[in-house]
Each structure stands twice: as C-alpha cells, then as structure tokens.
Amino acid sequence: MLGIMRKYKQSIVIKIVFVVIVLSFIGTIFLVWGKGDQGSGGSRSYAAKVNGTKISLDDYQRSYYRLRSIYEQLYGRSISPELEKQMGIRKLAMESLVESELVRQAARKMGISVSKDEVTRAIAEVPAFQKDGAFNFDQYLQILKSNRITPADFEESQKEEIIIKKARQQIKDKVAVSDDEARRYFAKRNDRLDLQFVSFSPAQLMNEVKLTDQDLTAHLQGKQDKFKTPEQISIQYCSIDPAALAGKVTLGDEEIQTFYQKNIDRYQGKGGILPLTEVKDKVRTDAAKDKAAKQAYELAADAINKNKGGDLQAVAKAFGTSIAVTPLFAATQPPAALATEAQLIKKAFALKEGEIGGPVETTKGIYAIKIKERKPAAVPPLARIRAQVEASARAEKAKDLAKKKAEEALALLGKGGAGLKAQETGSFTFSDKGEIPKIGLAPALQEAAFTLTAAAPVPKEPFKIGETWYAVRLKNRSQSNPADFDKSKDQIRQQLLPKKQQDALDAWVKELRAKARIETNTALLTD
C-alpha cells in the first residue's frame, strides 16, 4: 500500500470539493476501527458486542477522544467533565461505533469489496495530507505518527469506511420514484383547491363553560405543579477566570510542538497544513489558553476536594477571590449577575445543604458554590388562588369544547354540511410555507387537503392550528393539465429521489438495529 501511495508524492493537484465540513478535521479520520491495545474501561474487555462481534476498548477510546477533540475545537477550549456529560459525547461515540459495525456486517453479507486503488484515492483526497493542493507522502506519515497510528492500521480503517459507504449507497440505489408518486406530487403542486371550513376558538367559547367548586378542586389537584410556588434558594459562590491565568502560563518549545501536532487541523491554509514556523505565535496563544484552562480547572477541583466539609471561604482564598451572595431566587429567575449561567443555576438547585458544588465551568469562568438558604416549593390553598385556578380550568375546558365542536362539525360536513355556517377559502394552490387563505399557516392541513377528492371530500379528523380547531371539506378541485406532467415527470423524479433514498437508508439501519443483538459496556458511559 505504501508503494502505491508514494506515486502521489509527485502528482498534480487533486481537485476535490468536500460537502461535509467535518471532513476537514483530521480528528474525524481516526474515529473508526483503529487497532491497538485493549486498554481499560470497566469490568469488560470490550466496549460493545454487535451480533457477537466485539468493538474493542481501543476503538471506543479513539472514537470518544476524537469526538471530544472536535467539540473542544468548536468551543476553543478544554471541555469540563460536566459539559461533556451534558453533551452526551460518550453515548454519541458508542452509538456511532455500533451503527458502523451493523452496516459493516450487512456489507459483508452483501458481498461488498474495496480495491487498493480505491483506498489510495480516498487517502490522497484528504486535505490534511495535502501540501500545495497535492498529496504529500511525508506529511501523511508525520500526521499518522503524531496520532500514534500505523499506516497499515489507518489504511485498513479507510478500507472499512469505504465498504460502509458502498453498502449505504447500494441501499440508496435500490430506491426509485414511481410514476404514481411523481403524478401525485405534480397534482399537489399544480391543482387548485377551494375548501369550506368551520373554526372553533377556545377564546370564543369561554362563556359557554360552566364550573363548580368540585371542578376547581379537581383542577387544582391535577395541576399542582402549575400553581405551586417554585423552590427558591440563596447561594454563596466564588469563581476563577482561566483567561486571567493565560498571561502567566509558561510554555516550552516541546509543549508548543505537541499542541500543534495534536491540533494540526486548526492550522490549515488554502494549500494544506501550514508549517509551525508560520503559525507559531497563534499556536503559542492557543496552547497558553488551553493550558491555563486546564490549570484553572485543576486548581478549582483541588480546592473544592480539600474543603468538602463546606468551607467555601477556604476555597475562595485558594481562588484568590472573594465570596458573593445572592438573594433568594427561583431557577427561572436567577439574579442579574448569574442570568446567563444556566449550567451553574442547574447545579446549584441540585446541591444538598452544606455541600460545596463544583467545579462548574461556564463561558465566564469556573465556579464553586454553596447553598445559603433553601425555601421549598408549596401549593397554596384554593381560597388564596381561586381566581387563577378558575381561569386555568375555564381555559382548559374551553379547549376541550372547541375540539368537540370541530369533530361534530366535521361529521356534518361529511354529510353535506347542512345547517352549518361554513366559510370558504377561495381557490388556492399548494404553498411551500403551508399557507391557506383565511386560515393561515397550516402545513399539516394543507397536506391533507391535497389528498381530498370528490368521493372523499373530508379528512378523518379536524385540525388544530394554533389554539383554533378547524373542520374542512373539499368544495372544488381544479385539476392540472396531464400533458404538463409528461413534460416534467423526469425532473420531478430527480427532485423526490434524495429524500426517498434517505428515508430508505434510515429505515434499513433501524431494521438492522431491531434485529441485532447489541450489548454495550455501560461502565464506559458513566462518569
């Protein structure tokens, strides 16, 4: 394989346009199927089993760390354990590997193979391996070496990736758009409809609702969370800003070189990867920010661990800052100083009395927090909030009444609509936005309307648009010229094919999952 690759060293610029931006990240290249030591990670010696085939811990670690690296590049800094958990990176990495293994097994049964030339071309087209627009063999080896991957392992992973792509493409290639599908689409886009409709708004039916004390009591009991005063807390907190440490960080040439190699995809020019000599100042700045963020988090974690007994003052001293205190506040109404710190607020409300929470990393810094006071949530008695409960109960029953009246009206429309004061939309064509005259934006109703015929002029059920319920009936349908369909049939097929192919692919993968025996090492998905 290396012999084949060397011939690209002197080749002309390889012209290729990549649709998926993530392919520009060198990290994504190593997401799949590397070989190596099993490592450790839970009580099992594998990450997952798919129909008896093991996915190694090494494969999982590659997928996890590279996916994590991509998120860190997007955020521009290291991701804390809490933020990582919130993103579900471990689960995403596992799901990606399981799905890839499912498709790979299916590809074997389909008899799919890949030639050496196909692998060679795929590798040569990776931007990270190019210099001045052409594949550079030395750069290829250097990048693999910096990521501790042998050429043989990487080339094997590329072969497997191509096999998976071919399997997916085979499923897509089986899909076709029939004449009937194309004709229905053409009719929907070119026919004109005129609808009769009756609408029922809850706001217009409020006065028809009758309520008893028993109704109000039942409503309050069933909607306690709605009327409950929210839990409130007052917190003490202190924070450290990683940016303040960046200027104090010292970096050796070896650290700069290592950071450059690990994040080499950040430093690409039009002709490929830029040499370190050209971007050293930027690399130094990026590396300093990264190191400062790690040091700040480690400092915070160490201070909090040493003061688990609840001494926030000692933590603040280690941070080199003072303690701030908030008044009582609800989770939905944080104090102004913490208005944008949703993650911090969530953590604060989960704390136990006397416990120091953190480190909590946000865009503003790294926090340590402690509960000062907690006021539990409570449901006031009916006598105190009778007006609110009555308004809520009346609104709910009015909604039910609107739906009931729409169902009754639909039944009458199905019999001709005698006795109903129905409105008419007037003639209209299909709208991409789903807009219907006199009704407004109603995509679902529009889709249903264009399936109606003279033989079946009403849908199966009324439609809710906003808070209003609509019962509709087809009054007239002006059909388009069949000759126009013959002229545009092929174009319509091409237009409908991509979505139908993707739907088929999604259904195929879903079926593979349903039939598979999948076992995951859950220890890898927990902290």
Protein backbone atom coordinates (compact mmCIF):
# COMPACT_ATOMS: atom_id res chain seq x y z
CA MET A 1 0.00 0.00 0.00
CA LEU A 2 2.82 2.42 0.86
CA GLY A 3 4.33 1.76 -2.54
CA ILE A 4 1.11 2.77 -4.21
CA MET A 5 0.84 5.90 -2.09
CA ARG A 6 4.34 7.11 -2.97
CA LYS A 7 3.35 7.68 -6.57
CA TYR A 8 1.08 10.52 -5.39
CA LYS A 9 4.07 12.35 -3.95
CA GLN A 10 4.84 13.99 -7.32
CA SER A 11 1.29 14.09 -8.69
CA ILE A 12 -0.60 17.19 -9.83
CA VAL A 13 -3.08 18.95 -7.55
CA ILE A 14 -6.04 16.68 -6.75
CA LYS A 15 -9.23 18.67 -7.30
CA ILE A 16 -11.99 17.74 -4.91
CA VAL A 17 -14.87 19.53 -3.23
CA PHE A 18 -15.95 18.23 0.18
CA VAL A 19 -19.61 18.61 1.03
CA VAL A 20 -19.29 17.68 4.68
CA ILE A 21 -17.26 20.30 6.55
CA VAL A 22 -16.30 17.92 9.34
CA LEU A 23 -14.04 16.04 6.91
CA SER A 24 -11.67 18.99 7.15
CA PHE A 25 -10.96 17.99 10.73
CA ILE A 26 -8.12 15.48 10.79
CA GLY A 27 -9.60 14.13 14.01
CA THR A 28 -12.59 12.63 12.27
CA ILE A 29 -10.35 10.48 10.14
CA PHE A 30 -9.44 8.42 13.17
CA LEU A 31 -12.91 7.93 14.56
CA VAL A 32 -13.22 4.41 13.25
CA TRP A 33 -11.72 0.98 13.61
CA GLY A 34 -8.15 1.60 14.73
CA LYS A 35 -6.24 -1.34 16.15
CA GLY A 36 -4.19 -1.32 19.30
CA ASP A 37 -4.05 -2.33 22.95
CA GLN A 38 -7.33 -3.10 24.67
CA GLY A 39 -6.66 -0.65 27.48
CA SER A 40 -9.03 -0.44 30.42
CA GLY A 41 -12.56 0.82 30.86
CA GLY A 42 -14.97 -1.04 33.07
CA SER A 43 -15.20 -4.66 34.03
CA ARG A 44 -15.44 -5.94 30.46
CA SER A 45 -12.66 -6.27 27.90
CA TYR A 46 -14.73 -4.73 25.13
CA ALA A 47 -16.81 -1.61 24.52
CA ALA A 48 -19.74 -3.34 22.85
CA LYS A 49 -20.86 -6.53 21.15
CA VAL A 50 -22.85 -6.44 17.94
CA ASN A 51 -24.20 -9.86 16.96
CA GLY A 52 -21.31 -11.41 18.85
CA THR A 53 -18.63 -9.22 17.24
CA LYS A 54 -16.66 -7.20 19.77
CA ILE A 55 -15.93 -3.50 19.42
CA SER A 56 -12.66 -3.04 21.26
CA LEU A 57 -11.98 -0.57 24.03
CA ASP A 58 -9.28 0.90 21.81
CA ASP A 59 -11.85 1.59 19.07
CA TYR A 60 -14.13 3.25 21.60
CA GLN A 61 -11.35 5.39 23.05
CA ARG A 62 -10.37 6.59 19.57
CA SER A 63 -13.96 7.49 18.77
CA TYR A 64 -14.50 9.18 22.13
CA TYR A 65 -11.30 11.24 22.24
CA ARG A 66 -11.54 12.40 18.64
CA LEU A 67 -15.18 13.39 19.04
CA ARG A 68 -14.26 15.22 22.23
CA SER A 69 -11.41 16.94 20.39
CA ILE A 70 -13.79 18.23 17.72
CA TYR A 71 -16.05 19.77 20.38
CA GLU A 72 -13.04 21.36 22.07
CA GLN A 73 -12.02 22.90 18.75
CA LEU A 74 -15.52 24.27 18.27
CA TYR A 75 -15.56 25.72 21.79
CA GLY A 76 -11.97 26.91 21.57
CA ARG A 77 -11.02 25.42 24.95
CA SER A 78 -11.00 22.26 27.01
CA ILE A 79 -14.35 20.71 27.89
CA SER A 80 -15.04 20.03 31.55
CA PRO A 81 -16.44 16.66 32.67
CA GLU A 82 -19.80 18.30 33.42
CA LEU A 83 -20.07 19.90 29.98
CA GLU A 84 -19.02 16.63 28.35
CA LYS A 85 -21.76 14.77 30.20
CA GLN A 86 -24.31 17.37 29.16
CA MET A 87 -23.34 16.90 25.50
CA GLY A 88 -23.53 13.12 25.77
CA ILE A 89 -20.20 12.66 23.99
CA ARG A 90 -19.61 9.15 25.36
CA LYS A 91 -23.01 7.95 24.18
CA LEU A 92 -22.54 9.56 20.75
CA ALA A 93 -19.19 7.83 20.36
CA MET A 94 -20.69 4.46 21.29
CA GLU A 95 -23.73 4.85 19.03
CA SER A 96 -21.50 5.78 16.09
CA LEU A 97 -19.38 2.65 16.50
CA VAL A 98 -22.38 0.34 16.95
CA GLU A 99 -24.09 1.67 13.83
CA SER A 100 -20.87 1.39 11.82
CA GLU A 101 -20.46 -2.25 12.91
CA LEU A 102 -24.06 -3.03 11.98
CA VAL A 103 -23.59 -1.60 8.49
CA ARG A 104 -20.20 -3.31 8.11
CA GLN A 105 -21.72 -6.70 8.94
CA ALA A 106 -24.51 -6.06 6.46
CA ALA A 107 -21.92 -5.07 3.84
CA ARG A 108 -20.18 -8.44 4.22
CA LYS A 109 -23.46 -10.26 3.57
CA MET A 110 -23.95 -8.04 0.51
CA GLY A 111 -20.55 -9.16 -0.84
CA ILE A 112 -19.10 -5.64 -1.00
CA SER A 113 -15.34 -5.31 -1.55
CA VAL A 114 -12.83 -2.47 -1.96
CA SER A 115 -9.69 -2.37 -4.12
CA LYS A 116 -6.30 -0.96 -3.10
CA ASP A 117 -6.66 1.78 -5.70
CA GLU A 118 -9.92 2.94 -4.12
CA VAL A 119 -8.24 3.19 -0.72
CA THR A 120 -5.29 5.02 -2.25
CA ARG A 121 -7.50 7.60 -3.92
CA ALA A 122 -9.53 8.17 -0.76
CA ILE A 123 -6.42 8.85 1.33
CA ALA A 124 -4.88 11.10 -1.30
CA GLU A 125 -8.00 13.27 -1.28
CA VAL A 126 -7.79 14.06 2.45
CA PRO A 127 -6.89 17.80 2.74
CA ALA A 128 -4.78 17.24 5.86
CA PHE A 129 -2.43 15.02 3.86
CA GLN A 130 -2.00 17.58 1.08
CA LYS A 131 0.60 20.25 0.59
CA ASP A 132 0.11 22.95 -2.03
CA GLY A 133 -3.02 21.13 -3.14
CA ALA A 134 -1.35 17.75 -3.77
CA PHE A 135 -0.92 14.63 -1.67
CA ASN A 136 2.31 14.74 0.36
CA PHE A 137 3.58 11.36 1.49
CA ASP A 138 5.91 12.72 4.18
CA GLN A 139 3.10 14.79 5.68
CA TYR A 140 0.87 11.72 5.62
CA LEU A 141 3.39 9.70 7.64
CA GLN A 142 4.07 12.57 10.03
CA ILE A 143 0.40 13.05 10.90
CA LEU A 144 -0.16 9.33 11.40
CA LYS A 145 2.90 9.15 13.63
CA SER A 146 1.79 12.11 15.74
CA ASN A 147 -1.53 10.33 16.30
CA ARG A 148 0.19 7.02 17.10
CA ILE A 149 -1.40 5.20 14.18
CA THR A 150 0.48 2.98 11.77
CA PRO A 151 -0.09 3.35 8.00
CA ALA A 152 -1.34 -0.25 7.83
CA ASP A 153 -3.95 0.35 10.54
CA PHE A 154 -5.07 3.63 9.02
CA GLU A 155 -5.33 2.19 5.53
CA GLU A 156 -7.38 -0.70 6.88
CA SER A 157 -9.71 1.77 8.60
CA GLN A 158 -10.15 3.65 5.33
CA LYS A 159 -10.97 0.40 3.57
CA GLU A 160 -13.67 -0.35 6.14
CA GLU A 161 -15.06 3.17 5.82
CA ILE A 162 -15.36 2.83 2.04
CA ILE A 163 -17.10 -0.53 2.46
CA ILE A 164 -19.67 1.13 4.71
CA LYS A 165 -20.21 3.96 2.24
CA LYS A 166 -20.72 1.45 -0.56
CA ALA A 167 -23.26 -0.51 1.49
CA ARG A 168 -25.26 2.62 2.18
CA GLN A 169 -25.08 3.60 -1.47
CA GLN A 170 -26.38 0.19 -2.54
CA ILE A 171 -29.46 0.71 -0.39
CA LYS A 172 -29.98 4.13 -1.96
CA ASP A 173 -29.51 2.75 -5.47
CA LYS A 174 -32.44 0.38 -4.98
CA VAL A 175 -34.82 3.29 -4.48
CA ALA A 176 -36.89 4.65 -7.35
CA VAL A 177 -39.73 7.13 -7.69
CA SER A 178 -42.77 5.60 -9.42
CA ASP A 179 -44.99 7.33 -11.96
CA ASP A 180 -47.83 7.37 -9.42
CA GLU A 181 -45.65 9.08 -6.80
CA ALA A 182 -44.49 11.65 -9.33
CA ARG A 183 -48.06 12.20 -10.54
CA ARG A 184 -49.39 12.73 -7.01
CA TYR A 185 -46.62 15.22 -6.34
CA PHE A 186 -47.34 17.04 -9.62
CA ALA A 187 -51.05 17.22 -8.80
CA LYS A 188 -50.33 18.54 -5.34
CA ARG A 189 -48.10 21.27 -6.73
CA ASN A 190 -50.35 22.26 -9.65
CA ASP A 191 -54.00 21.55 -8.80
CA ARG A 192 -56.17 24.32 -7.29
CA LEU A 193 -58.44 23.74 -4.29
CA ASP A 194 -61.39 25.52 -2.75
CA LEU A 195 -62.28 24.49 0.81
CA GLN A 196 -65.26 25.00 3.06
CA PHE A 197 -64.36 25.30 6.73
CA VAL A 198 -65.76 25.94 10.19
CA SER A 199 -63.50 27.12 13.02
CA PHE A 200 -63.82 26.97 16.80
CA SER A 201 -61.62 29.08 19.06
CA PRO A 202 -61.44 28.37 22.83
CA ALA A 203 -61.43 32.12 23.48
CA GLN A 204 -64.86 32.40 21.84
CA LEU A 205 -66.25 29.55 23.92
CA MET A 206 -65.17 30.69 27.40
CA ASN A 207 -68.64 31.90 28.35
CA GLU A 208 -70.15 28.52 27.49
CA VAL A 209 -68.03 26.76 30.13
CA LYS A 210 -69.71 26.06 33.49
CA LEU A 211 -67.58 25.32 36.58
CA THR A 212 -68.41 24.01 40.07
CA ASP A 213 -66.31 24.08 43.25
CA GLN A 214 -65.71 20.38 42.70
CA ASP A 215 -64.31 21.17 39.23
CA LEU A 216 -61.94 23.75 40.71
CA THR A 217 -60.72 21.42 43.47
CA ALA A 218 -60.10 18.64 40.96
CA HIS A 219 -58.29 21.03 38.62
CA LEU A 220 -56.01 22.24 41.41
CA GLN A 221 -55.23 18.68 42.47
CA GLY A 222 -54.45 17.65 38.91
CA LYS A 223 -52.34 20.73 38.15
CA GLN A 224 -50.38 21.18 41.37
CA ASP A 225 -47.13 21.84 39.56
CA LYS A 226 -48.77 24.71 37.68
CA PHE A 227 -49.88 26.51 40.85
CA LYS A 228 -47.03 25.51 43.10
CA THR A 229 -44.79 28.38 44.18
CA PRO A 230 -41.31 27.49 42.88
CA GLU A 231 -38.45 26.36 45.06
CA GLN A 232 -36.10 29.22 45.90
CA ILE A 233 -32.50 29.24 47.02
CA SER A 234 -29.84 31.71 48.07
CA ILE A 235 -26.28 30.73 47.20
CA GLN A 236 -22.75 31.73 48.04
CA TYR A 237 -20.20 31.43 45.26
CA CYS A 238 -16.69 32.30 44.13
CA SER A 239 -15.06 31.93 40.73
CA ILE A 240 -11.78 31.91 38.85
CA ASP A 241 -11.28 33.16 35.28
CA PRO A 242 -8.92 30.98 33.17
CA ALA A 243 -8.22 33.94 30.87
CA ALA A 244 -6.59 35.74 33.79
CA LEU A 245 -4.06 32.92 34.07
CA ALA A 246 -3.20 32.74 30.37
CA GLY A 247 -0.67 35.56 30.60
CA LYS A 248 1.12 33.82 33.48
CA VAL A 249 1.46 30.47 31.71
CA THR A 250 4.93 29.45 30.54
CA LEU A 251 5.36 27.19 27.54
CA GLY A 252 8.38 25.30 26.30
CA ASP A 253 9.10 24.65 22.63
CA GLU A 254 8.23 21.00 23.13
CA GLU A 255 4.79 21.90 24.55
CA ILE A 256 4.12 24.20 21.60
CA GLN A 257 5.20 21.48 19.16
CA THR A 258 2.99 18.89 20.89
CA PHE A 259 -0.05 21.19 20.89
CA TYR A 260 0.49 21.95 17.20
CA GLN A 261 0.66 18.26 16.31
CA LYS A 262 -2.42 17.35 18.35
CA ASN A 263 -4.44 20.21 16.90
CA ILE A 264 -2.87 20.38 13.46
CA ASP A 265 -6.23 20.64 11.70
CA ARG A 266 -6.68 24.14 13.17
CA TYR A 267 -3.80 25.46 11.12
CA GLN A 268 -4.76 24.89 7.51
CA GLY A 269 -4.24 27.25 4.62
CA LYS A 270 -5.54 27.05 1.08
CA GLY A 271 -2.72 24.70 0.13
CA GLY A 272 -2.97 22.43 3.15
CA ILE A 273 -1.42 22.36 6.63
CA LEU A 274 0.63 25.47 7.48
CA PRO A 275 4.10 24.77 8.95
CA LEU A 276 4.65 25.58 12.61
CA THR A 277 7.13 28.34 11.74
CA GLU A 278 4.35 30.33 10.05
CA VAL A 279 1.77 29.98 12.82
CA LYS A 280 3.91 29.70 15.93
CA ASP A 281 2.52 32.86 17.58
CA LYS A 282 -1.06 31.67 17.13
CA VAL A 283 -0.14 28.17 18.33
CA ARG A 284 1.55 29.68 21.40
CA THR A 285 -1.57 31.75 22.20
CA ASP A 286 -3.90 28.78 21.70
CA ALA A 287 -1.69 26.49 23.76
CA ALA A 288 -1.47 29.07 26.56
CA LYS A 289 -5.27 29.37 26.71
CA ASP A 290 -5.61 25.60 26.75
CA LYS A 291 -3.02 25.15 29.48
CA ALA A 292 -4.50 27.99 31.54
CA ALA A 293 -7.96 26.44 31.31
CA LYS A 294 -6.64 23.08 32.49
CA GLN A 295 -4.65 24.65 35.33
CA ALA A 296 -7.64 26.71 36.45
CA TYR A 297 -9.89 23.68 36.48
CA GLU A 298 -7.31 21.60 38.37
CA LEU A 299 -6.84 24.42 40.90
CA ALA A 300 -10.60 24.66 41.43
CA ALA A 301 -11.05 20.90 41.72
CA ASP A 302 -8.19 20.62 44.21
CA ALA A 303 -9.52 23.46 46.38
CA ILE A 304 -13.04 22.02 46.43
CA ASN A 305 -11.85 18.48 47.21
CA LYS A 306 -9.78 19.76 50.12
CA ASN A 307 -12.80 21.54 51.59
CA LYS A 308 -15.60 19.02 51.20
CA GLY A 309 -16.67 19.88 54.74
CA GLY A 310 -18.19 23.07 53.39
CA ASP A 311 -15.54 25.74 53.97
CA LEU A 312 -16.21 27.97 50.96
CA GLN A 313 -14.05 30.71 52.45
CA ALA A 314 -11.01 28.44 52.13
CA VAL A 315 -11.93 27.72 48.50
CA ALA A 316 -12.23 31.44 47.77
CA LYS A 317 -8.82 32.00 49.33
CA ALA A 318 -7.32 29.35 47.05
CA PHE A 319 -9.01 31.06 44.09
CA GLY A 320 -7.60 34.42 45.17
CA THR A 321 -11.06 35.97 45.17
CA SER A 322 -13.98 36.81 47.47
CA ILE A 323 -17.37 35.21 48.09
CA ALA A 324 -20.54 36.65 46.54
CA VAL A 325 -24.02 36.04 47.96
CA THR A 326 -27.36 36.07 46.11
CA PRO A 327 -30.84 36.82 47.45
CA LEU A 328 -33.48 34.07 47.29
CA PHE A 329 -34.35 33.26 43.67
CA ALA A 330 -36.22 30.69 41.59
CA ALA A 331 -34.50 28.65 38.89
CA THR A 332 -36.35 30.57 36.19
CA GLN A 333 -35.47 33.97 37.67
CA PRO A 334 -31.78 33.95 38.60
CA PRO A 335 -30.09 37.12 39.89
CA ALA A 336 -28.71 39.50 37.26
CA ALA A 337 -25.08 38.52 37.93
CA LEU A 338 -25.88 34.89 37.06
CA ALA A 339 -28.59 35.47 34.44
CA THR A 340 -26.62 33.75 31.66
CA GLU A 341 -25.19 30.94 33.78
CA ALA A 342 -27.85 28.25 33.21
CA GLN A 343 -25.47 25.39 33.96
CA LEU A 344 -24.44 26.95 37.28
CA ILE A 345 -28.06 27.52 38.31
CA LYS A 346 -28.96 23.91 37.48
CA LYS A 347 -26.07 22.64 39.60
CA ALA A 348 -26.97 24.95 42.48
CA PHE A 349 -30.54 23.67 42.75
CA ALA A 350 -29.24 20.08 42.83
CA LEU A 351 -26.93 20.73 45.80
CA LYS A 352 -27.50 19.37 49.28
CA GLU A 353 -27.29 21.53 52.41
CA GLY A 354 -23.69 22.15 53.48
CA GLU A 355 -22.27 20.73 50.25
CA ILE A 356 -19.84 22.66 48.05
CA GLY A 357 -20.65 22.22 44.38
CA GLY A 358 -18.24 22.38 41.50
CA PRO A 359 -16.07 22.92 39.72
CA VAL A 360 -18.78 24.33 37.40
CA GLU A 361 -17.20 25.53 34.16
CA THR A 362 -19.02 28.16 32.08
CA THR A 363 -18.01 30.73 29.48
CA LYS A 364 -17.39 33.26 32.27
CA GLY A 365 -15.19 31.11 34.47
CA ILE A 366 -15.00 28.19 36.89
CA TYR A 367 -17.26 28.33 39.95
CA ALA A 368 -17.54 26.84 43.42
CA ILE A 369 -20.99 27.20 45.01
CA LYS A 370 -22.79 26.53 48.29
CA ILE A 371 -26.42 26.77 49.42
CA LYS A 372 -27.02 29.52 51.99
CA GLU A 373 -30.80 29.13 52.29
CA ARG A 374 -33.48 26.96 50.65
CA LYS A 375 -37.23 27.66 50.51
CA PRO A 376 -39.18 24.58 49.34
CA ALA A 377 -41.92 24.69 46.71
CA ALA A 378 -45.52 24.65 48.01
CA VAL A 379 -49.13 24.60 46.72
CA PRO A 380 -51.26 27.45 48.15
CA PRO A 381 -54.82 26.64 49.34
CA LEU A 382 -57.64 27.07 46.79
CA ALA A 383 -59.14 30.03 48.67
CA ARG A 384 -55.97 32.04 48.14
CA ILE A 385 -55.62 31.36 44.39
CA ARG A 386 -59.24 30.74 43.38
CA ALA A 387 -59.20 33.29 40.56
CA GLN A 388 -56.09 31.77 38.96
CA VAL A 389 -57.44 28.23 39.26
CA GLU A 390 -60.81 29.23 37.79
CA ALA A 391 -59.17 30.97 34.81
CA SER A 392 -56.98 27.94 34.16
CA ALA A 393 -59.84 25.43 34.46
CA ARG A 394 -62.10 27.52 32.21
CA ALA A 395 -59.39 27.79 29.54
CA GLU A 396 -58.77 24.03 29.62
CA LYS A 397 -62.44 23.12 29.31
CA ALA A 398 -62.86 25.67 26.50
CA LYS A 399 -60.10 23.87 24.57
CA ASP A 400 -61.88 20.55 25.01
CA LEU A 401 -65.16 22.13 23.92
CA ALA A 402 -63.56 23.62 20.79
CA LYS A 403 -62.25 20.21 19.74
CA LYS A 404 -65.60 18.54 20.42
CA LYS A 405 -67.49 21.12 18.34
CA ALA A 406 -64.98 20.72 15.47
CA GLU A 407 -65.50 16.94 15.50
CA GLU A 408 -69.26 17.41 15.37
CA ALA A 409 -68.93 19.93 12.53
CA LEU A 410 -66.68 17.57 10.56
CA ALA A 411 -69.32 14.84 10.80
CA LEU A 412 -71.92 17.26 9.43
CA LEU A 413 -69.60 18.39 6.62
CA GLY A 414 -69.19 14.76 5.64
CA LYS A 415 -72.94 14.62 5.14
CA GLY A 416 -73.04 17.83 3.10
CA GLY A 417 -72.80 20.47 5.82
CA ALA A 418 -76.48 21.32 6.10
CA GLY A 419 -77.15 23.80 8.92
CA LEU A 420 -73.51 24.89 9.27
CA LYS A 421 -72.36 28.46 8.66
CA ALA A 422 -69.22 27.50 6.75
CA GLN A 423 -66.69 29.88 5.25
CA GLU A 424 -64.77 29.35 2.02
CA THR A 425 -61.06 29.74 1.35
CA GLY A 426 -61.46 30.55 -2.32
CA SER A 427 -59.25 28.94 -4.96
CA PHE A 428 -55.61 28.40 -3.95
CA THR A 429 -52.55 26.38 -4.93
CA PHE A 430 -50.05 24.45 -2.81
CA SER A 431 -47.76 26.69 -0.75
CA ASP A 432 -44.28 25.70 0.41
CA LYS A 433 -44.99 27.55 3.66
CA GLY A 434 -48.30 25.74 4.12
CA GLU A 435 -50.37 28.91 3.86
CA ILE A 436 -54.13 28.60 3.23
CA PRO A 437 -56.30 31.67 2.51
CA LYS A 438 -58.42 32.81 5.51
CA ILE A 439 -56.86 30.10 7.68
CA GLY A 440 -53.16 30.97 7.72
CA LEU A 441 -50.09 28.78 8.07
CA ALA A 442 -51.31 25.19 8.30
CA PRO A 443 -48.82 22.74 6.68
CA ALA A 444 -50.47 19.58 8.04
CA LEU A 445 -53.93 20.71 6.98
CA GLN A 446 -52.65 21.66 3.54
CA GLU A 447 -51.04 18.23 3.05
CA ALA A 448 -54.31 16.54 3.99
CA ALA A 449 -56.38 18.90 1.83
CA PHE A 450 -54.48 17.99 -1.32
CA THR A 451 -55.34 14.31 -0.79
CA LEU A 452 -59.09 15.04 -0.75
CA THR A 453 -61.30 14.04 -3.69
CA ALA A 454 -64.92 14.42 -4.69
CA ALA A 455 -65.51 10.86 -3.50
CA ALA A 456 -63.76 11.51 -0.16
CA PRO A 457 -64.15 15.26 0.47
CA VAL A 458 -63.41 15.43 4.22
CA PRO A 459 -60.34 14.37 6.25
CA LYS A 460 -60.58 11.77 9.02
CA GLU A 461 -60.30 14.34 11.82
CA PRO A 462 -60.31 18.10 12.46
CA PHE A 463 -57.07 20.08 12.60
CA LYS A 464 -55.71 22.24 15.38
CA ILE A 465 -53.94 25.37 14.15
CA GLY A 466 -52.60 27.45 16.98
CA GLU A 467 -55.39 27.20 19.57
CA THR A 468 -58.19 27.05 16.99
CA TRP A 469 -59.80 23.86 15.69
CA TYR A 470 -60.85 23.58 12.02
CA ALA A 471 -63.26 21.21 10.28
CA VAL A 472 -62.83 21.34 6.49
CA ARG A 473 -64.47 19.96 3.35
CA LEU A 474 -63.34 19.98 -0.28
CA LYS A 475 -65.70 22.18 -2.28
CA ASN A 476 -63.87 22.07 -5.61
CA ARG A 477 -60.63 20.78 -7.12
CA SER A 478 -59.39 22.14 -10.46
CA GLN A 479 -57.00 19.58 -11.90
CA SER A 480 -53.83 20.46 -13.81
CA ASN A 481 -53.17 19.54 -17.45
CA PRO A 482 -51.92 15.89 -17.72
CA ALA A 483 -49.75 16.89 -20.70
CA ASP A 484 -47.75 19.19 -18.43
CA PHE A 485 -46.98 16.23 -16.16
CA ASP A 486 -45.43 14.25 -19.03
CA LYS A 487 -43.08 17.16 -19.71
CA SER A 488 -41.86 17.44 -16.11
CA LYS A 489 -42.05 13.79 -14.96
CA ASP A 490 -38.29 13.12 -15.07
CA GLN A 491 -37.46 16.35 -13.25
CA ILE A 492 -39.98 15.53 -10.52
CA ARG A 493 -38.43 12.09 -10.04
CA GLN A 494 -34.98 13.62 -9.58
CA GLN A 495 -36.42 16.09 -7.10
CA LEU A 496 -38.13 13.43 -4.98
CA LEU A 497 -35.37 10.81 -5.11
CA PRO A 498 -32.86 12.13 -2.47
CA LYS A 499 -35.39 12.26 0.37
CA LYS A 500 -36.83 8.88 -0.55
CA GLN A 501 -33.30 7.43 -0.60
CA GLN A 502 -32.50 8.87 2.82
CA ASP A 503 -35.78 7.56 4.23
CA ALA A 504 -34.93 4.10 2.86
CA LEU A 505 -31.45 4.25 4.38
CA ASP A 506 -32.79 5.33 7.78
CA ALA A 507 -35.36 2.53 7.71
CA TRP A 508 -32.69 -0.01 6.76
CA VAL A 509 -30.40 0.99 9.64
CA LYS A 510 -33.36 0.97 12.03
CA GLU A 511 -34.21 -2.57 10.91
CA LEU A 512 -30.59 -3.68 11.38
CA ARG A 513 -30.71 -2.38 14.95
CA ALA A 514 -34.05 -4.06 15.65
CA LYS A 515 -32.78 -7.46 14.51
CA ALA A 516 -29.32 -7.18 16.09
CA ARG A 517 -28.07 -8.47 19.42
CA ILE A 518 -26.39 -5.39 20.87
CA GLU A 519 -24.62 -5.35 24.22
CA THR A 520 -22.78 -2.24 25.44
CA ASN A 521 -20.30 -1.81 28.25
CA THR A 522 -22.36 0.64 30.31
CA ALA A 523 -19.37 1.39 32.54
CA LEU A 524 -17.92 3.41 29.65
CA LEU A 525 -20.98 5.67 29.53
CA THR A 526 -20.84 6.74 33.18
CA ASP A 527 -18.50 9.12 34.98
